[in-house]
N, C-alpha and C. Protein backbone atom coordinates (compact mmCIF):
# COMPACT_ATOMS: atom_id res chain seq x y z
N MET A 1 10.27 9.39 73.63
CA MET A 1 9.25 8.67 72.90
C MET A 1 9.46 7.18 73.11
N SER A 2 8.39 6.46 73.36
CA SER A 2 8.46 5.05 73.67
C SER A 2 8.65 4.23 72.39
N ALA A 3 9.46 3.17 72.49
CA ALA A 3 9.69 2.30 71.35
C ALA A 3 8.52 1.33 71.17
N VAL A 4 7.73 1.12 72.23
CA VAL A 4 6.60 0.20 72.17
C VAL A 4 5.37 0.98 71.70
N ARG A 5 4.76 0.51 70.64
CA ARG A 5 3.55 1.15 70.15
C ARG A 5 2.36 0.65 70.95
N MET A 6 1.42 1.54 71.20
CA MET A 6 0.27 1.21 72.03
C MET A 6 -0.97 1.04 71.16
N CYS A 7 -1.98 0.40 71.74
CA CYS A 7 -3.27 0.19 71.06
C CYS A 7 -3.88 1.55 70.74
N SER A 8 -4.47 1.65 69.55
CA SER A 8 -5.08 2.91 69.10
C SER A 8 -6.45 3.18 69.71
N LYS A 9 -7.04 2.18 70.34
CA LYS A 9 -8.37 2.36 70.94
C LYS A 9 -8.28 3.32 72.12
N VAL A 10 -9.27 4.19 72.22
CA VAL A 10 -9.32 5.17 73.30
C VAL A 10 -9.36 4.45 74.65
N SER A 11 -8.60 4.93 75.58
CA SER A 11 -8.50 4.44 76.97
C SER A 11 -7.90 3.04 77.09
N CYS A 12 -7.29 2.50 76.05
CA CYS A 12 -6.60 1.22 76.14
C CYS A 12 -5.11 1.51 76.29
N SER A 13 -4.50 0.93 77.29
CA SER A 13 -3.08 1.19 77.54
C SER A 13 -2.23 -0.04 77.28
N ARG A 14 -2.78 -1.03 76.58
CA ARG A 14 -2.01 -2.24 76.29
C ARG A 14 -1.14 -2.04 75.05
N PRO A 15 -0.04 -2.79 74.96
CA PRO A 15 0.83 -2.68 73.78
C PRO A 15 0.15 -3.26 72.54
N ALA A 16 0.47 -2.68 71.41
CA ALA A 16 -0.12 -3.13 70.14
C ALA A 16 0.41 -4.50 69.77
N ALA A 17 -0.47 -5.32 69.19
CA ALA A 17 -0.09 -6.66 68.76
C ALA A 17 -0.47 -6.91 67.30
N ALA A 18 -1.28 -6.03 66.72
CA ALA A 18 -1.75 -6.21 65.34
C ALA A 18 -1.96 -4.84 64.71
N THR A 19 -2.00 -4.83 63.38
CA THR A 19 -2.27 -3.59 62.65
C THR A 19 -3.52 -3.79 61.81
N MET A 20 -4.42 -2.80 61.87
CA MET A 20 -5.65 -2.83 61.10
C MET A 20 -5.57 -1.76 60.00
N THR A 21 -5.89 -2.16 58.80
CA THR A 21 -6.01 -1.22 57.69
C THR A 21 -7.36 -1.47 57.02
N TYR A 22 -7.79 -0.53 56.21
CA TYR A 22 -9.08 -0.70 55.54
C TYR A 22 -9.02 -0.07 54.17
N VAL A 23 -9.86 -0.60 53.28
CA VAL A 23 -9.97 -0.10 51.92
C VAL A 23 -11.44 0.23 51.69
N HIS A 24 -11.74 1.51 51.70
CA HIS A 24 -13.14 1.93 51.54
C HIS A 24 -13.73 1.47 50.21
N ALA A 25 -12.95 1.56 49.14
CA ALA A 25 -13.47 1.21 47.81
C ALA A 25 -13.92 -0.25 47.75
N ASP A 26 -13.24 -1.14 48.49
CA ASP A 26 -13.58 -2.56 48.49
C ASP A 26 -14.41 -2.96 49.69
N ALA A 27 -14.71 -2.02 50.59
CA ALA A 27 -15.44 -2.30 51.83
C ALA A 27 -14.78 -3.47 52.57
N THR A 28 -13.48 -3.34 52.78
CA THR A 28 -12.70 -4.41 53.40
C THR A 28 -11.86 -3.87 54.55
N VAL A 29 -11.84 -4.63 55.64
CA VAL A 29 -10.98 -4.36 56.79
C VAL A 29 -9.98 -5.50 56.86
N VAL A 30 -8.70 -5.18 57.02
CA VAL A 30 -7.66 -6.20 57.12
C VAL A 30 -6.96 -6.05 58.46
N ILE A 31 -6.89 -7.14 59.21
CA ILE A 31 -6.14 -7.17 60.46
C ILE A 31 -5.01 -8.16 60.28
N GLY A 32 -3.80 -7.68 60.46
CA GLY A 32 -2.64 -8.53 60.26
C GLY A 32 -1.62 -8.32 61.36
N PRO A 33 -0.45 -8.92 61.21
CA PRO A 33 0.60 -8.76 62.21
C PRO A 33 0.98 -7.29 62.36
N LEU A 34 1.52 -6.94 63.49
CA LEU A 34 1.94 -5.57 63.75
C LEU A 34 2.95 -5.14 62.70
N GLY A 35 2.69 -4.00 62.07
CA GLY A 35 3.59 -3.48 61.05
C GLY A 35 4.93 -3.09 61.66
N ARG A 36 5.96 -3.08 60.84
CA ARG A 36 7.30 -2.72 61.33
C ARG A 36 7.34 -1.29 61.84
N ARG A 37 6.53 -0.41 61.27
CA ARG A 37 6.48 0.98 61.73
C ARG A 37 5.06 1.50 61.57
N ALA A 38 4.76 2.54 62.30
CA ALA A 38 3.44 3.15 62.21
C ALA A 38 3.28 3.82 60.85
N GLU A 39 2.15 3.63 60.23
CA GLU A 39 1.88 4.20 58.92
C GLU A 39 0.60 5.02 58.99
N PRO A 40 0.51 6.09 58.20
CA PRO A 40 -0.75 6.84 58.14
C PRO A 40 -1.88 5.95 57.61
N GLY A 41 -3.02 6.02 58.23
CA GLY A 41 -4.15 5.22 57.78
C GLY A 41 -4.19 3.82 58.35
N ALA A 42 -3.16 3.41 59.09
CA ALA A 42 -3.14 2.10 59.73
C ALA A 42 -3.31 2.31 61.24
N HIS A 43 -4.01 1.39 61.87
CA HIS A 43 -4.29 1.52 63.30
C HIS A 43 -3.73 0.31 64.03
N ASP A 44 -2.95 0.56 65.06
CA ASP A 44 -2.38 -0.52 65.87
C ASP A 44 -3.39 -0.92 66.93
N LEU A 45 -3.56 -2.22 67.11
CA LEU A 45 -4.52 -2.74 68.08
C LEU A 45 -3.84 -3.75 69.00
N CYS A 46 -4.29 -3.79 70.25
CA CYS A 46 -3.81 -4.82 71.17
C CYS A 46 -4.44 -6.16 70.75
N ALA A 47 -3.99 -7.24 71.32
CA ALA A 47 -4.49 -8.57 70.94
C ALA A 47 -5.99 -8.69 71.20
N GLU A 48 -6.45 -8.16 72.33
CA GLU A 48 -7.87 -8.27 72.67
C GLU A 48 -8.75 -7.50 71.68
N HIS A 49 -8.39 -6.27 71.38
CA HIS A 49 -9.19 -5.48 70.44
C HIS A 49 -9.12 -6.05 69.03
N ALA A 50 -7.97 -6.58 68.64
CA ALA A 50 -7.85 -7.20 67.31
C ALA A 50 -8.75 -8.42 67.20
N ALA A 51 -8.85 -9.20 68.28
CA ALA A 51 -9.67 -10.41 68.26
C ALA A 51 -11.17 -10.08 68.27
N LYS A 52 -11.54 -9.00 68.95
CA LYS A 52 -12.96 -8.66 69.11
C LYS A 52 -13.50 -7.75 68.01
N LEU A 53 -12.65 -7.21 67.16
CA LEU A 53 -13.09 -6.24 66.18
C LEU A 53 -14.08 -6.86 65.20
N THR A 54 -15.15 -6.15 64.94
CA THR A 54 -16.12 -6.57 63.93
C THR A 54 -16.19 -5.46 62.88
N PRO A 55 -16.30 -5.82 61.62
CA PRO A 55 -16.35 -4.80 60.57
C PRO A 55 -17.72 -4.15 60.51
N PRO A 56 -17.83 -3.01 59.84
CA PRO A 56 -19.14 -2.39 59.63
C PRO A 56 -20.04 -3.33 58.81
N VAL A 57 -21.34 -3.09 58.88
CA VAL A 57 -22.30 -3.90 58.14
C VAL A 57 -21.95 -3.87 56.64
N ASP A 58 -22.01 -5.02 56.01
CA ASP A 58 -21.72 -5.22 54.58
C ASP A 58 -20.24 -5.07 54.23
N TRP A 59 -19.37 -5.03 55.21
CA TRP A 59 -17.92 -4.99 54.97
C TRP A 59 -17.35 -6.38 55.19
N GLN A 60 -16.26 -6.66 54.51
CA GLN A 60 -15.57 -7.94 54.64
C GLN A 60 -14.40 -7.77 55.60
N LEU A 61 -14.16 -8.76 56.46
CA LEU A 61 -13.03 -8.74 57.39
C LEU A 61 -12.05 -9.84 56.98
N ILE A 62 -10.82 -9.46 56.77
CA ILE A 62 -9.76 -10.42 56.44
C ILE A 62 -8.77 -10.41 57.58
N ARG A 63 -8.53 -11.57 58.17
CA ARG A 63 -7.52 -11.71 59.23
C ARG A 63 -6.32 -12.45 58.66
N ILE A 64 -5.18 -11.82 58.75
CA ILE A 64 -3.94 -12.42 58.26
C ILE A 64 -3.11 -12.77 59.49
N ASP A 65 -2.96 -14.06 59.73
CA ASP A 65 -2.19 -14.51 60.88
C ASP A 65 -0.89 -15.12 60.35
N SER A 66 0.21 -14.46 60.66
CA SER A 66 1.49 -14.96 60.16
C SER A 66 1.87 -16.26 60.85
N GLY A 67 1.36 -16.48 62.07
CA GLY A 67 1.66 -17.73 62.76
C GLY A 67 3.06 -17.77 63.33
N GLN A 68 3.84 -16.78 63.06
CA GLN A 68 5.21 -16.75 63.58
C GLN A 68 5.65 -15.31 63.75
N ALA A 69 6.61 -15.13 64.61
CA ALA A 69 7.15 -13.79 64.84
C ALA A 69 8.00 -13.37 63.65
N PRO A 70 8.09 -12.07 63.37
CA PRO A 70 8.93 -11.65 62.26
C PRO A 70 10.38 -12.04 62.51
N PRO A 71 11.13 -12.38 61.48
CA PRO A 71 12.51 -12.81 61.69
C PRO A 71 13.36 -11.68 62.24
N GLU A 72 14.25 -12.04 63.14
CA GLU A 72 15.17 -11.07 63.72
C GLU A 72 16.37 -10.94 62.80
N ARG A 73 16.90 -9.76 62.72
CA ARG A 73 18.13 -9.55 61.94
C ARG A 73 19.31 -10.02 62.77
N SER A 74 20.11 -10.87 62.21
CA SER A 74 21.29 -11.35 62.92
C SER A 74 22.48 -10.45 62.61
N HIS A 75 23.54 -10.63 63.36
CA HIS A 75 24.77 -9.87 63.15
C HIS A 75 25.30 -10.14 61.74
N ASP A 76 25.19 -11.40 61.28
CA ASP A 76 25.66 -11.75 59.94
C ASP A 76 24.87 -11.02 58.86
N ASP A 77 23.56 -10.86 59.05
CA ASP A 77 22.74 -10.13 58.08
C ASP A 77 23.21 -8.68 57.97
N LEU A 78 23.47 -8.05 59.10
CA LEU A 78 23.91 -6.66 59.09
C LEU A 78 25.28 -6.52 58.44
N LEU A 79 26.17 -7.47 58.69
CA LEU A 79 27.49 -7.43 58.04
C LEU A 79 27.36 -7.61 56.53
N ALA A 80 26.45 -8.47 56.10
CA ALA A 80 26.26 -8.68 54.66
C ALA A 80 25.73 -7.40 54.00
N ILE A 81 24.83 -6.69 54.66
CA ILE A 81 24.31 -5.44 54.12
C ILE A 81 25.44 -4.40 54.04
N ALA A 82 26.26 -4.30 55.09
CA ALA A 82 27.37 -3.35 55.10
C ALA A 82 28.37 -3.68 53.98
N ASP A 83 28.67 -4.96 53.77
CA ASP A 83 29.59 -5.35 52.70
C ASP A 83 29.03 -4.98 51.32
N ALA A 84 27.73 -5.18 51.12
CA ALA A 84 27.11 -4.85 49.84
C ALA A 84 27.18 -3.35 49.58
N VAL A 85 26.99 -2.55 50.61
CA VAL A 85 27.07 -1.09 50.45
C VAL A 85 28.50 -0.69 50.10
N ARG A 86 29.48 -1.28 50.79
CA ARG A 86 30.89 -0.96 50.49
C ARG A 86 31.25 -1.33 49.06
N GLU A 87 30.81 -2.52 48.60
CA GLU A 87 31.11 -2.95 47.23
C GLU A 87 30.49 -2.00 46.21
N ALA A 88 29.28 -1.58 46.45
CA ALA A 88 28.62 -0.65 45.52
C ALA A 88 29.36 0.68 45.49
N ALA A 89 29.83 1.14 46.63
CA ALA A 89 30.57 2.40 46.68
C ALA A 89 31.91 2.26 45.95
N ASP A 90 32.57 1.11 46.10
CA ASP A 90 33.85 0.88 45.41
C ASP A 90 33.64 0.88 43.89
N ARG A 91 32.57 0.25 43.42
CA ARG A 91 32.29 0.22 41.98
C ARG A 91 32.01 1.62 41.47
N ALA A 92 31.31 2.42 42.26
CA ALA A 92 30.99 3.78 41.83
C ALA A 92 32.26 4.62 41.75
N ASP A 93 33.22 4.39 42.64
CA ASP A 93 34.48 5.13 42.60
C ASP A 93 35.33 4.75 41.40
N GLN A 94 35.21 3.50 40.92
CA GLN A 94 36.01 3.03 39.80
C GLN A 94 35.40 3.38 38.45
N THR A 95 34.15 3.75 38.43
CA THR A 95 33.48 4.11 37.17
C THR A 95 33.91 5.51 36.76
N PRO A 96 34.41 5.67 35.52
CA PRO A 96 34.80 7.01 35.08
C PRO A 96 33.58 7.92 34.97
N PRO A 97 33.74 9.20 35.29
CA PRO A 97 32.60 10.12 35.19
C PRO A 97 32.15 10.26 33.75
N ARG A 98 30.86 10.39 33.57
CA ARG A 98 30.30 10.55 32.22
C ARG A 98 30.43 12.00 31.80
N THR A 99 30.75 12.19 30.54
CA THR A 99 30.80 13.55 29.99
C THR A 99 29.86 13.60 28.80
N ALA A 100 29.33 14.74 28.57
CA ALA A 100 28.41 14.91 27.44
C ALA A 100 29.19 14.78 26.14
N PRO A 101 28.60 14.20 25.12
CA PRO A 101 29.30 14.06 23.83
C PRO A 101 29.69 15.42 23.28
N GLY A 102 30.94 15.55 22.87
CA GLY A 102 31.42 16.78 22.25
C GLY A 102 31.88 17.82 23.26
N SER A 103 31.80 17.54 24.56
CA SER A 103 32.26 18.53 25.54
C SER A 103 33.67 18.19 25.99
N ALA A 104 34.45 19.21 26.21
CA ALA A 104 35.81 19.02 26.68
C ALA A 104 35.79 18.95 28.19
N ASP A 105 36.52 17.99 28.77
CA ASP A 105 36.57 17.84 30.23
C ASP A 105 37.76 18.63 30.75
N ASP A 106 37.58 19.91 30.97
CA ASP A 106 38.63 20.78 31.47
C ASP A 106 38.40 20.95 32.97
N SER A 107 39.18 20.20 33.79
CA SER A 107 38.95 20.21 35.23
C SER A 107 39.22 21.56 35.85
N ALA A 108 40.09 22.38 35.25
CA ALA A 108 40.35 23.70 35.80
C ALA A 108 39.14 24.61 35.63
N ALA A 109 38.44 24.45 34.52
CA ALA A 109 37.29 25.31 34.26
C ALA A 109 36.02 24.79 34.93
N THR A 110 35.88 23.47 34.99
CA THR A 110 34.63 22.92 35.51
C THR A 110 34.72 22.53 36.97
N GLY A 111 35.88 22.41 37.55
CA GLY A 111 36.02 22.00 38.95
C GLY A 111 36.16 20.49 39.07
N ARG A 112 36.50 20.03 40.25
CA ARG A 112 36.64 18.60 40.50
C ARG A 112 35.28 18.00 40.82
N ARG A 113 35.09 16.76 40.36
CA ARG A 113 33.82 16.09 40.62
C ARG A 113 33.96 15.22 41.86
N HIS A 114 32.93 15.26 42.68
CA HIS A 114 32.86 14.43 43.88
C HIS A 114 31.47 13.81 43.92
N GLY A 115 31.37 12.57 43.43
CA GLY A 115 30.04 11.95 43.31
C GLY A 115 29.22 12.72 42.31
N HIS A 116 28.04 13.14 42.69
CA HIS A 116 27.17 13.90 41.80
C HIS A 116 27.35 15.40 42.00
N LEU A 117 28.23 15.80 42.96
CA LEU A 117 28.48 17.21 43.22
C LEU A 117 29.75 17.67 42.52
N ARG A 118 29.86 18.92 42.30
CA ARG A 118 31.04 19.48 41.66
C ARG A 118 31.66 20.48 42.62
N ILE A 119 32.96 20.34 42.89
CA ILE A 119 33.68 21.26 43.76
C ILE A 119 34.33 22.31 42.88
N ILE A 120 33.97 23.54 43.08
CA ILE A 120 34.52 24.64 42.29
C ILE A 120 35.44 25.44 43.19
N GLY A 121 36.68 25.53 42.77
CA GLY A 121 37.67 26.25 43.55
C GLY A 121 37.51 27.75 43.46
N ASP A 122 38.17 28.49 44.38
CA ASP A 122 38.16 29.93 44.34
C ASP A 122 38.94 30.41 43.12
N SER A 123 38.52 31.49 42.49
CA SER A 123 39.25 32.00 41.35
C SER A 123 40.07 33.19 41.71
């Protein structure tokens, strides 16, 4: 499967440059920057088809031009995300498991807890 999304127009083989969505209730067509991923109900268009598109009669056309390319994720961004995930996991490991009020925590009878799962040994 190709990583490059293509124009949704029949017989067009150019790469997509914009995404078109529409809202029937508001009679509105919106053409904006290419979405990060393909979504149901959204149509990818090449630059030429996006520029030439005209809405149906009595519909409003909104063009959203970001004017800039979407920001690239840097190595530092990815490391910051990984660190945040590790910190959250460490906090979850340090939090004592919750027990229902009035219940006895008998690990032999209930099994060992592992996250939200319970490991029950053979009897």
